[in-house]
Amino acid sequence: MPPSHAAVFLDRDGTLIVEKEYLSDPAGVEIFPGVGAALRRLMDARLRLVVVTNQSGIGRGYYTEADMHRVNQRVLDLLAPEGVRFEQIYFAPEAPDQPSRGRKPLPQFLFDARDAFGLDLTRSCMVGDKQADLECGWNAGVRQCILVRTGYGRETEAQLGSDASRTVVVDDLTAAAEWILQSIQP
């Protein structure tokens, strides 16, 4: 059976939550305004939500995998009142200089999600605040990569160069969701 579901792949830090370098304490989780409602709208449009995050602080020894799971749980708890549900949270614990199967910009986690959840990458989007997020989506063959200006997004936008023509740039996840809902048929 061919893949049938469109998905929105989401970076975590700087996209869903306020960027706090090497966040390891769940008490520091701060969801950007409007994120819960935006994610709920995407879910209501029958789009699957998948988080793909690089967590090099684990590989660098700044925090543990258990710390990261507690942070992720806090994110889920804060989004629960909106009824938000992610199919999966994929994470790459390796530091940039360590071998990795899924560290963005590698597309492996998008392929894993495609296979696990019957996702059609050609109808899906990748949303993030860094060049590695965009490259991950392009490497996987998603329909559109969207750069949010939250987190490192403004810096990334200033450095896009020739990649600007293949990137949708918006202020935040609310605007990304609006673009997706107007442009992608679930």
N, C-alpha and C. Protein backbone atom coordinates (compact mmCIF):
# COMPACT_ATOMS: atom_id res chain seq x y z
N MET A 1 0.84 -1.18 0.00
CA MET A 1 0.00 0.00 0.00
C MET A 1 0.89 1.25 0.00
N PRO A 2 0.67 2.17 -0.93
CA PRO A 2 1.53 3.35 -1.01
C PRO A 2 1.31 4.28 0.19
N PRO A 3 2.34 5.06 0.54
CA PRO A 3 2.18 6.00 1.65
C PRO A 3 1.07 6.98 1.34
N SER A 4 0.29 7.31 2.36
CA SER A 4 -0.87 8.16 2.09
C SER A 4 -0.98 9.39 2.97
N HIS A 5 -0.24 9.43 4.05
CA HIS A 5 -0.40 10.52 5.00
C HIS A 5 0.67 11.59 4.79
N ALA A 6 0.24 12.83 4.82
CA ALA A 6 1.19 13.94 4.81
C ALA A 6 1.56 14.23 6.26
N ALA A 7 2.77 14.75 6.44
CA ALA A 7 3.25 15.03 7.79
C ALA A 7 3.90 16.41 7.83
N VAL A 8 4.00 16.91 9.04
CA VAL A 8 4.80 18.10 9.30
C VAL A 8 5.89 17.66 10.26
N PHE A 9 7.13 17.73 9.79
CA PHE A 9 8.30 17.43 10.60
C PHE A 9 8.75 18.72 11.27
N LEU A 10 8.98 18.64 12.56
CA LEU A 10 9.24 19.84 13.36
C LEU A 10 10.53 19.72 14.16
N ASP A 11 11.34 20.75 14.07
CA ASP A 11 12.46 20.88 14.98
C ASP A 11 11.88 21.25 16.35
N ARG A 12 12.61 20.97 17.42
CA ARG A 12 12.10 21.29 18.76
C ARG A 12 12.57 22.66 19.25
N ASP A 13 13.87 22.78 19.52
CA ASP A 13 14.42 24.00 20.11
C ASP A 13 14.50 25.12 19.09
N GLY A 14 13.90 26.25 19.42
CA GLY A 14 13.89 27.39 18.52
C GLY A 14 12.71 27.38 17.56
N THR A 15 11.97 26.28 17.53
CA THR A 15 10.81 26.16 16.65
C THR A 15 9.53 25.98 17.47
N LEU A 16 9.52 24.96 18.33
CA LEU A 16 8.38 24.73 19.22
C LEU A 16 8.57 25.45 20.56
N ILE A 17 9.80 25.42 21.03
CA ILE A 17 10.10 26.02 22.33
C ILE A 17 11.22 27.05 22.19
N VAL A 18 11.27 27.96 23.15
CA VAL A 18 12.29 28.99 23.16
C VAL A 18 13.66 28.33 23.24
N GLU A 19 14.57 28.78 22.38
CA GLU A 19 15.93 28.26 22.35
C GLU A 19 16.65 28.66 23.64
N LYS A 20 17.09 27.64 24.36
CA LYS A 20 17.91 27.83 25.57
C LYS A 20 19.05 26.84 25.43
N GLU A 21 20.23 27.35 25.19
CA GLU A 21 21.37 26.51 24.85
C GLU A 21 21.52 25.32 25.80
N TYR A 22 21.48 24.12 25.21
CA TYR A 22 21.66 22.86 25.93
C TYR A 22 20.67 22.72 27.08
N LEU A 23 19.40 22.91 26.77
CA LEU A 23 18.33 22.82 27.76
C LEU A 23 18.26 21.41 28.34
N SER A 24 18.40 21.32 29.66
CA SER A 24 18.36 20.01 30.32
C SER A 24 17.37 19.98 31.47
N ASP A 25 16.82 21.11 31.84
CA ASP A 25 15.91 21.21 32.97
C ASP A 25 14.48 21.44 32.46
N PRO A 26 13.56 20.53 32.74
CA PRO A 26 12.19 20.70 32.27
C PRO A 26 11.56 22.03 32.71
N ALA A 27 12.00 22.57 33.84
CA ALA A 27 11.45 23.84 34.32
C ALA A 27 11.79 24.98 33.36
N GLY A 28 12.79 24.81 32.51
CA GLY A 28 13.17 25.85 31.57
C GLY A 28 12.41 25.82 30.26
N VAL A 29 11.53 24.84 30.09
CA VAL A 29 10.77 24.73 28.84
C VAL A 29 9.78 25.88 28.74
N GLU A 30 9.85 26.59 27.62
CA GLU A 30 8.92 27.69 27.36
C GLU A 30 8.41 27.54 25.93
N ILE A 31 7.15 27.17 25.81
CA ILE A 31 6.52 27.00 24.49
C ILE A 31 6.30 28.39 23.89
N PHE A 32 6.62 28.55 22.61
CA PHE A 32 6.33 29.81 21.94
C PHE A 32 4.82 30.06 21.93
N PRO A 33 4.39 31.31 22.05
CA PRO A 33 2.96 31.62 21.98
C PRO A 33 2.34 31.09 20.68
N GLY A 34 1.18 30.49 20.80
CA GLY A 34 0.43 30.03 19.64
C GLY A 34 0.82 28.66 19.11
N VAL A 35 1.87 28.06 19.64
CA VAL A 35 2.34 26.77 19.12
C VAL A 35 1.29 25.68 19.30
N GLY A 36 0.70 25.59 20.48
CA GLY A 36 -0.30 24.56 20.72
C GLY A 36 -1.47 24.65 19.76
N ALA A 37 -2.00 25.85 19.59
CA ALA A 37 -3.14 26.04 18.68
C ALA A 37 -2.74 25.74 17.24
N ALA A 38 -1.54 26.14 16.84
CA ALA A 38 -1.07 25.88 15.47
C ALA A 38 -0.95 24.38 15.21
N LEU A 39 -0.36 23.67 16.16
CA LEU A 39 -0.22 22.22 16.01
C LEU A 39 -1.58 21.54 15.97
N ARG A 40 -2.49 22.00 16.79
CA ARG A 40 -3.84 21.43 16.80
C ARG A 40 -4.53 21.62 15.45
N ARG A 41 -4.36 22.80 14.85
CA ARG A 41 -4.95 23.05 13.53
C ARG A 41 -4.38 22.09 12.49
N LEU A 42 -3.08 21.84 12.57
CA LEU A 42 -2.47 20.91 11.62
C LEU A 42 -3.02 19.51 11.83
N MET A 43 -3.16 19.10 13.08
CA MET A 43 -3.74 17.79 13.38
C MET A 43 -5.18 17.69 12.89
N ASP A 44 -5.93 18.76 13.09
CA ASP A 44 -7.34 18.77 12.66
C ASP A 44 -7.46 18.65 11.14
N ALA A 45 -6.40 19.05 10.43
CA ALA A 45 -6.37 18.92 8.97
C ALA A 45 -5.83 17.55 8.54
N ARG A 46 -5.70 16.65 9.52
CA ARG A 46 -5.27 15.28 9.28
C ARG A 46 -3.80 15.17 8.87
N LEU A 47 -3.00 16.12 9.31
CA LEU A 47 -1.56 16.05 9.09
C LEU A 47 -0.93 15.40 10.31
N ARG A 48 0.05 14.54 10.08
CA ARG A 48 0.76 13.88 11.16
C ARG A 48 1.89 14.78 11.63
N LEU A 49 2.16 14.79 12.92
CA LEU A 49 3.22 15.62 13.49
C LEU A 49 4.36 14.74 13.99
N VAL A 50 5.58 15.08 13.58
CA VAL A 50 6.76 14.33 13.97
C VAL A 50 7.85 15.32 14.37
N VAL A 51 8.44 15.14 15.53
CA VAL A 51 9.54 15.99 15.97
C VAL A 51 10.87 15.30 15.62
N VAL A 52 11.78 16.09 15.07
CA VAL A 52 13.12 15.61 14.73
C VAL A 52 14.10 16.62 15.32
N THR A 53 14.89 16.17 16.30
CA THR A 53 15.73 17.11 17.04
C THR A 53 17.16 16.59 17.22
N ASN A 54 18.11 17.47 17.01
CA ASN A 54 19.50 17.19 17.35
C ASN A 54 19.70 17.57 18.81
N GLN A 55 20.25 16.67 19.59
CA GLN A 55 20.49 16.93 21.01
C GLN A 55 21.95 16.64 21.33
N SER A 56 22.83 17.45 20.74
CA SER A 56 24.27 17.22 20.89
C SER A 56 24.76 17.41 22.32
N GLY A 57 23.97 18.05 23.17
CA GLY A 57 24.36 18.20 24.57
C GLY A 57 24.57 16.85 25.24
N ILE A 58 23.89 15.81 24.76
CA ILE A 58 24.09 14.47 25.31
C ILE A 58 25.49 13.97 24.93
N GLY A 59 25.81 14.05 23.65
CA GLY A 59 27.10 13.59 23.17
C GLY A 59 28.26 14.41 23.71
N ARG A 60 27.99 15.65 24.04
CA ARG A 60 29.03 16.53 24.59
C ARG A 60 29.18 16.34 26.10
N GLY A 61 28.26 15.58 26.71
CA GLY A 61 28.32 15.33 28.14
C GLY A 61 27.72 16.43 29.00
N TYR A 62 26.93 17.32 28.40
CA TYR A 62 26.33 18.43 29.15
C TYR A 62 25.09 17.99 29.93
N TYR A 63 24.39 16.99 29.41
CA TYR A 63 23.22 16.43 30.09
C TYR A 63 23.02 15.01 29.60
N THR A 64 22.12 14.30 30.26
CA THR A 64 21.91 12.89 29.93
C THR A 64 20.70 12.71 29.02
N GLU A 65 20.60 11.52 28.46
CA GLU A 65 19.43 11.20 27.66
C GLU A 65 18.17 11.28 28.53
N ALA A 66 18.28 10.86 29.78
CA ALA A 66 17.13 10.95 30.70
C ALA A 66 16.71 12.40 30.90
N ASP A 67 17.66 13.31 30.98
CA ASP A 67 17.33 14.74 31.09
C ASP A 67 16.52 15.18 29.86
N MET A 68 16.98 14.78 28.68
CA MET A 68 16.29 15.16 27.45
C MET A 68 14.86 14.61 27.44
N HIS A 69 14.69 13.37 27.87
CA HIS A 69 13.35 12.78 27.90
C HIS A 69 12.45 13.56 28.87
N ARG A 70 13.00 14.02 29.98
CA ARG A 70 12.20 14.84 30.91
C ARG A 70 11.80 16.17 30.27
N VAL A 71 12.70 16.77 29.52
CA VAL A 71 12.37 18.00 28.80
C VAL A 71 11.28 17.72 27.77
N ASN A 72 11.43 16.63 27.01
CA ASN A 72 10.41 16.28 26.02
C ASN A 72 9.06 16.04 26.69
N GLN A 73 9.06 15.38 27.83
CA GLN A 73 7.81 15.13 28.54
C GLN A 73 7.16 16.44 28.97
N ARG A 74 7.98 17.39 29.38
CA ARG A 74 7.44 18.70 29.77
C ARG A 74 6.81 19.40 28.56
N VAL A 75 7.44 19.28 27.41
CA VAL A 75 6.86 19.84 26.18
C VAL A 75 5.50 19.19 25.93
N LEU A 76 5.45 17.87 26.02
CA LEU A 76 4.18 17.15 25.80
C LEU A 76 3.13 17.58 26.82
N ASP A 77 3.52 17.71 28.08
CA ASP A 77 2.58 18.12 29.13
C ASP A 77 2.01 19.52 28.86
N LEU A 78 2.88 20.42 28.40
CA LEU A 78 2.42 21.79 28.13
C LEU A 78 1.51 21.87 26.91
N LEU A 79 1.69 20.95 25.97
CA LEU A 79 0.86 20.95 24.76
C LEU A 79 -0.40 20.10 24.91
N ALA A 80 -0.46 19.28 25.94
CA ALA A 80 -1.60 18.37 26.14
C ALA A 80 -2.95 19.08 26.22
N PRO A 81 -3.05 20.25 26.87
CA PRO A 81 -4.36 20.90 26.92
C PRO A 81 -4.94 21.23 25.54
N GLU A 82 -4.07 21.36 24.54
CA GLU A 82 -4.54 21.61 23.17
C GLU A 82 -4.83 20.30 22.43
N GLY A 83 -4.57 19.17 23.08
CA GLY A 83 -4.79 17.88 22.44
C GLY A 83 -3.73 17.51 21.42
N VAL A 84 -2.56 18.12 21.53
CA VAL A 84 -1.48 17.87 20.57
C VAL A 84 -0.87 16.50 20.84
N ARG A 85 -0.62 15.78 19.75
CA ARG A 85 -0.01 14.45 19.83
C ARG A 85 0.99 14.30 18.70
N PHE A 86 2.19 13.90 19.04
CA PHE A 86 3.22 13.64 18.04
C PHE A 86 3.26 12.14 17.76
N GLU A 87 3.44 11.79 16.50
CA GLU A 87 3.60 10.38 16.15
C GLU A 87 4.85 9.83 16.83
N GLN A 88 5.91 10.66 16.85
CA GLN A 88 7.19 10.23 17.39
C GLN A 88 8.06 11.45 17.63
N ILE A 89 8.96 11.35 18.58
CA ILE A 89 10.02 12.34 18.75
C ILE A 89 11.33 11.61 18.49
N TYR A 90 11.93 11.91 17.36
CA TYR A 90 13.22 11.33 17.00
C TYR A 90 14.31 12.28 17.50
N PHE A 91 15.39 11.72 18.07
CA PHE A 91 16.46 12.57 18.55
C PHE A 91 17.81 11.97 18.20
N ALA A 92 18.74 12.84 17.89
CA ALA A 92 20.11 12.44 17.62
C ALA A 92 20.96 12.94 18.79
N PRO A 93 21.50 12.04 19.62
CA PRO A 93 22.25 12.46 20.80
C PRO A 93 23.71 12.79 20.53
N GLU A 94 24.17 12.56 19.33
CA GLU A 94 25.59 12.70 19.04
C GLU A 94 26.02 14.16 18.91
N ALA A 95 27.26 14.42 19.31
CA ALA A 95 27.89 15.72 19.05
C ALA A 95 28.20 15.79 17.55
N PRO A 96 28.38 16.99 17.01
CA PRO A 96 28.61 17.13 15.56
C PRO A 96 29.79 16.32 15.02
N ASP A 97 30.81 16.07 15.84
CA ASP A 97 31.99 15.35 15.36
C ASP A 97 31.89 13.84 15.57
N GLN A 98 30.75 13.36 16.06
CA GLN A 98 30.57 11.93 16.29
C GLN A 98 29.74 11.31 15.17
N PRO A 99 30.02 10.05 14.82
CA PRO A 99 29.21 9.40 13.80
C PRO A 99 27.74 9.35 14.25
N SER A 100 26.83 9.55 13.31
CA SER A 100 25.41 9.57 13.65
C SER A 100 24.58 9.01 12.52
N ARG A 101 23.57 8.29 12.86
CA ARG A 101 22.63 7.75 11.88
C ARG A 101 21.60 8.80 11.47
N GLY A 102 21.24 9.68 12.41
CA GLY A 102 20.10 10.55 12.14
C GLY A 102 20.30 12.02 12.39
N ARG A 103 21.49 12.45 12.77
CA ARG A 103 21.71 13.86 13.07
C ARG A 103 21.44 14.71 11.83
N LYS A 104 20.55 15.70 11.98
CA LYS A 104 20.27 16.59 10.86
C LYS A 104 21.57 17.31 10.48
N PRO A 105 21.87 17.43 9.21
CA PRO A 105 20.97 17.38 8.06
C PRO A 105 20.72 16.01 7.44
N LEU A 106 21.21 14.93 8.06
CA LEU A 106 20.89 13.60 7.53
C LEU A 106 19.38 13.39 7.57
N PRO A 107 18.81 12.79 6.54
CA PRO A 107 17.35 12.62 6.46
C PRO A 107 16.82 11.33 7.07
N GLN A 108 17.67 10.54 7.72
CA GLN A 108 17.28 9.19 8.13
C GLN A 108 16.02 9.15 8.98
N PHE A 109 15.86 10.07 9.92
CA PHE A 109 14.68 10.03 10.79
C PHE A 109 13.39 10.30 9.99
N LEU A 110 13.47 11.10 8.94
CA LEU A 110 12.30 11.32 8.10
C LEU A 110 11.96 10.03 7.35
N PHE A 111 12.99 9.32 6.89
CA PHE A 111 12.76 8.03 6.24
C PHE A 111 12.18 7.02 7.23
N ASP A 112 12.71 7.02 8.46
CA ASP A 112 12.20 6.12 9.48
C ASP A 112 10.71 6.39 9.74
N ALA A 113 10.36 7.67 9.87
CA ALA A 113 8.96 8.04 10.11
C ALA A 113 8.08 7.67 8.91
N ARG A 114 8.61 7.89 7.72
CA ARG A 114 7.87 7.50 6.51
C ARG A 114 7.50 6.02 6.57
N ASP A 115 8.49 5.21 6.89
CA ASP A 115 8.28 3.76 6.90
C ASP A 115 7.39 3.32 8.07
N ALA A 116 7.55 3.95 9.23
CA ALA A 116 6.79 3.55 10.42
C ALA A 116 5.33 3.97 10.36
N PHE A 117 5.06 5.13 9.73
CA PHE A 117 3.71 5.70 9.81
C PHE A 117 3.04 5.88 8.45
N GLY A 118 3.63 5.33 7.39
CA GLY A 118 3.02 5.41 6.06
C GLY A 118 2.92 6.83 5.55
N LEU A 119 4.00 7.60 5.70
CA LEU A 119 3.99 9.02 5.34
C LEU A 119 4.47 9.22 3.90
N ASP A 120 3.87 10.17 3.24
CA ASP A 120 4.26 10.56 1.90
C ASP A 120 5.13 11.81 2.02
N LEU A 121 6.43 11.64 1.88
CA LEU A 121 7.34 12.77 2.05
C LEU A 121 7.11 13.85 1.00
N THR A 122 6.65 13.47 -0.18
CA THR A 122 6.44 14.45 -1.25
C THR A 122 5.23 15.35 -0.97
N ARG A 123 4.46 15.03 0.04
CA ARG A 123 3.32 15.86 0.44
C ARG A 123 3.55 16.48 1.82
N SER A 124 4.75 16.33 2.36
CA SER A 124 5.06 16.72 3.73
C SER A 124 5.95 17.96 3.76
N CYS A 125 6.07 18.55 4.94
CA CYS A 125 6.88 19.75 5.15
C CYS A 125 7.84 19.54 6.32
N MET A 126 8.94 20.26 6.27
CA MET A 126 9.89 20.32 7.38
C MET A 126 9.93 21.75 7.87
N VAL A 127 9.78 21.94 9.18
CA VAL A 127 9.77 23.29 9.77
C VAL A 127 10.88 23.37 10.81
N GLY A 128 11.73 24.39 10.69
CA GLY A 128 12.80 24.56 11.65
C GLY A 128 13.41 25.95 11.59
N ASP A 129 14.41 26.15 12.44
CA ASP A 129 15.04 27.48 12.53
C ASP A 129 16.51 27.48 12.11
N LYS A 130 17.02 26.35 11.65
CA LYS A 130 18.43 26.27 11.28
C LYS A 130 18.59 25.68 9.88
N GLN A 131 19.74 25.96 9.28
CA GLN A 131 20.07 25.43 7.96
C GLN A 131 20.00 23.91 7.96
N ALA A 132 20.46 23.26 9.03
CA ALA A 132 20.44 21.79 9.10
C ALA A 132 19.01 21.25 9.00
N ASP A 133 18.02 21.99 9.54
CA ASP A 133 16.63 21.57 9.43
C ASP A 133 16.17 21.59 7.97
N LEU A 134 16.50 22.69 7.29
CA LEU A 134 16.13 22.82 5.89
C LEU A 134 16.80 21.73 5.05
N GLU A 135 18.09 21.54 5.26
CA GLU A 135 18.83 20.54 4.49
C GLU A 135 18.29 19.14 4.75
N CYS A 136 17.88 18.86 5.97
CA CYS A 136 17.28 17.57 6.30
C CYS A 136 16.05 17.33 5.43
N GLY A 137 15.19 18.33 5.37
CA GLY A 137 13.98 18.21 4.54
C GLY A 137 14.30 18.06 3.07
N TRP A 138 15.22 18.87 2.57
CA TRP A 138 15.60 18.75 1.16
C TRP A 138 16.20 17.38 0.88
N ASN A 139 17.05 16.90 1.78
CA ASN A 139 17.69 15.59 1.59
C ASN A 139 16.67 14.45 1.59
N ALA A 140 15.56 14.65 2.29
CA ALA A 140 14.52 13.61 2.35
C ALA A 140 13.51 13.74 1.20
N GLY A 141 13.54 14.86 0.49
CA GLY A 141 12.60 15.05 -0.62
C GLY A 141 11.22 15.52 -0.21
N VAL A 142 11.14 16.27 0.91
CA VAL A 142 9.83 16.78 1.30
C VAL A 142 9.36 17.84 0.30
N ARG A 143 8.08 18.09 0.32
CA ARG A 143 7.51 19.06 -0.61
C ARG A 143 8.02 20.47 -0.34
N GLN A 144 8.08 20.87 0.95
CA GLN A 144 8.48 22.23 1.26
C GLN A 144 9.21 22.29 2.60
N CYS A 145 10.26 23.08 2.64
CA CYS A 145 10.94 23.39 3.89
C CYS A 145 10.58 24.82 4.28
N ILE A 146 10.26 24.98 5.56
CA ILE A 146 9.82 26.27 6.07
C ILE A 146 10.75 26.69 7.20
N LEU A 147 11.28 27.89 7.06
CA LEU A 147 12.15 28.47 8.08
C LEU A 147 11.34 29.43 8.93
N VAL A 148 11.35 29.21 10.24
CA VAL A 148 10.70 30.16 11.17
C VAL A 148 11.77 31.12 11.68
N ARG A 149 11.37 32.36 11.90
CA ARG A 149 12.32 33.39 12.36
C ARG A 149 12.54 33.35 13.87
N THR A 150 11.95 32.39 14.55
CA THR A 150 12.18 32.22 15.98
C THR A 150 13.52 31.49 16.16
N GLY A 151 13.99 31.38 17.39
CA GLY A 151 15.26 30.69 17.63
C GLY A 151 16.39 31.32 16.84
N TYR A 152 17.08 30.51 16.06
CA TYR A 152 18.17 30.99 15.21
C TYR A 152 17.69 31.38 13.82
N GLY A 153 16.39 31.42 13.62
CA GLY A 153 15.81 31.63 12.30
C GLY A 153 16.22 32.90 11.59
N ARG A 154 16.27 34.02 12.31
CA ARG A 154 16.66 35.28 11.67
C ARG A 154 18.11 35.21 11.18
N GLU A 155 18.99 34.63 11.98
CA GLU A 155 20.39 34.46 11.55
C GLU A 155 20.46 33.55 10.34
N THR A 156 19.70 32.46 10.37
CA THR A 156 19.70 31.52 9.25
C THR A 156 19.18 32.20 8.00
N GLU A 157 18.11 32.98 8.13
CA GLU A 157 17.54 33.68 6.97
C GLU A 157 18.58 34.58 6.31
N ALA A 158 19.37 35.27 7.11
CA ALA A 158 20.37 36.19 6.58
C ALA A 158 21.47 35.46 5.81
N GLN A 159 21.61 34.16 6.05
CA GLN A 159 22.67 33.38 5.41
C GLN A 159 22.16 32.41 4.34
N LEU A 160 20.89 32.51 3.98
CA LEU A 160 20.31 31.54 3.04
C LEU A 160 20.95 31.57 1.65
N GLY A 161 21.27 32.74 1.16
CA GLY A 161 21.86 32.84 -0.17
C GLY A 161 20.97 32.23 -1.22
N SER A 162 21.53 31.34 -2.05
CA SER A 162 20.78 30.74 -3.16
C SER A 162 19.68 29.80 -2.68
N ASP A 163 19.74 29.36 -1.42
CA ASP A 163 18.69 28.49 -0.89
C ASP A 163 17.40 29.24 -0.59
N ALA A 164 17.45 30.56 -0.62
CA ALA A 164 16.26 31.36 -0.31
C ALA A 164 15.10 31.06 -1.27
N SER A 165 15.42 30.77 -2.51
CA SER A 165 14.36 30.53 -3.49
C SER A 165 13.59 29.24 -3.25
N ARG A 166 14.16 28.32 -2.49
CA ARG A 166 13.44 27.07 -2.23
C ARG A 166 13.00 26.95 -0.78
N THR A 167 12.96 28.08 -0.09
CA THR A 167 12.59 28.11 1.32
C THR A 167 11.44 29.08 1.53
N VAL A 168 10.42 28.65 2.25
CA VAL A 168 9.38 29.56 2.70
C VAL A 168 9.84 30.09 4.06
N VAL A 169 9.86 31.40 4.22
CA VAL A 169 10.30 32.01 5.47
C VAL A 169 9.12 32.73 6.11
N VAL A 170 8.85 32.38 7.37
CA VAL A 170 7.72 32.96 8.11
C VAL A 170 8.18 33.36 9.50
N ASP A 171 7.35 34.13 10.19
CA ASP A 171 7.75 34.63 11.51
C ASP A 171 7.81 33.56 12.58
N ASP A 172 6.84 32.62 12.57
CA ASP A 172 6.76 31.66 13.67
C ASP A 172 5.95 30.45 13.24
N LEU A 173 5.75 29.53 14.18
CA LEU A 173 5.03 28.30 13.85
C LEU A 173 3.58 28.55 13.48
N THR A 174 2.97 29.56 14.07
CA THR A 174 1.59 29.91 13.70
C THR A 174 1.52 30.26 12.22
N ALA A 175 2.46 31.08 11.75
CA ALA A 175 2.49 31.46 10.34
C ALA A 175 2.85 30.26 9.45
N ALA A 176 3.72 29.39 9.94
CA ALA A 176 4.06 28.18 9.18
C ALA A 176 2.83 27.31 9.00
N ALA A 177 2.07 27.12 10.08
CA ALA A 177 0.85 26.31 10.00
C ALA A 177 -0.14 26.92 9.01
N GLU A 178 -0.27 28.23 9.04
CA GLU A 178 -1.17 28.91 8.11
C GLU A 178 -0.74 28.65 6.67
N TRP A 179 0.56 28.77 6.41
CA TRP A 179 1.06 28.52 5.05
C TRP A 179 0.77 27.07 4.65
N ILE A 180 1.06 26.14 5.55
CA ILE A 180 0.84 24.71 5.24
C ILE A 180 -0.63 24.45 4.95
N LEU A 181 -1.51 24.97 5.78
CA LEU A 181 -2.94 24.71 5.60
C LEU A 181 -3.48 25.30 4.31
N GLN A 182 -2.89 26.39 3.86
CA GLN A 182 -3.33 27.00 2.59
C GLN A 182 -2.69 26.34 1.38
N SER A 183 -1.57 25.64 1.58
CA SER A 183 -0.80 25.17 0.44
C SER A 183 -0.74 23.67 0.27
N ILE A 184 -0.94 22.92 1.31
CA ILE A 184 -0.77 21.46 1.26
C ILE A 184 -2.13 20.80 1.51
N GLN A 185 -2.49 19.92 0.62
CA GLN A 185 -3.72 19.17 0.81
C GLN A 185 -3.40 17.90 1.58
N PRO A 186 -4.02 17.71 2.76
CA PRO A 186 -3.73 16.48 3.52
C PRO A 186 -4.21 15.23 2.81
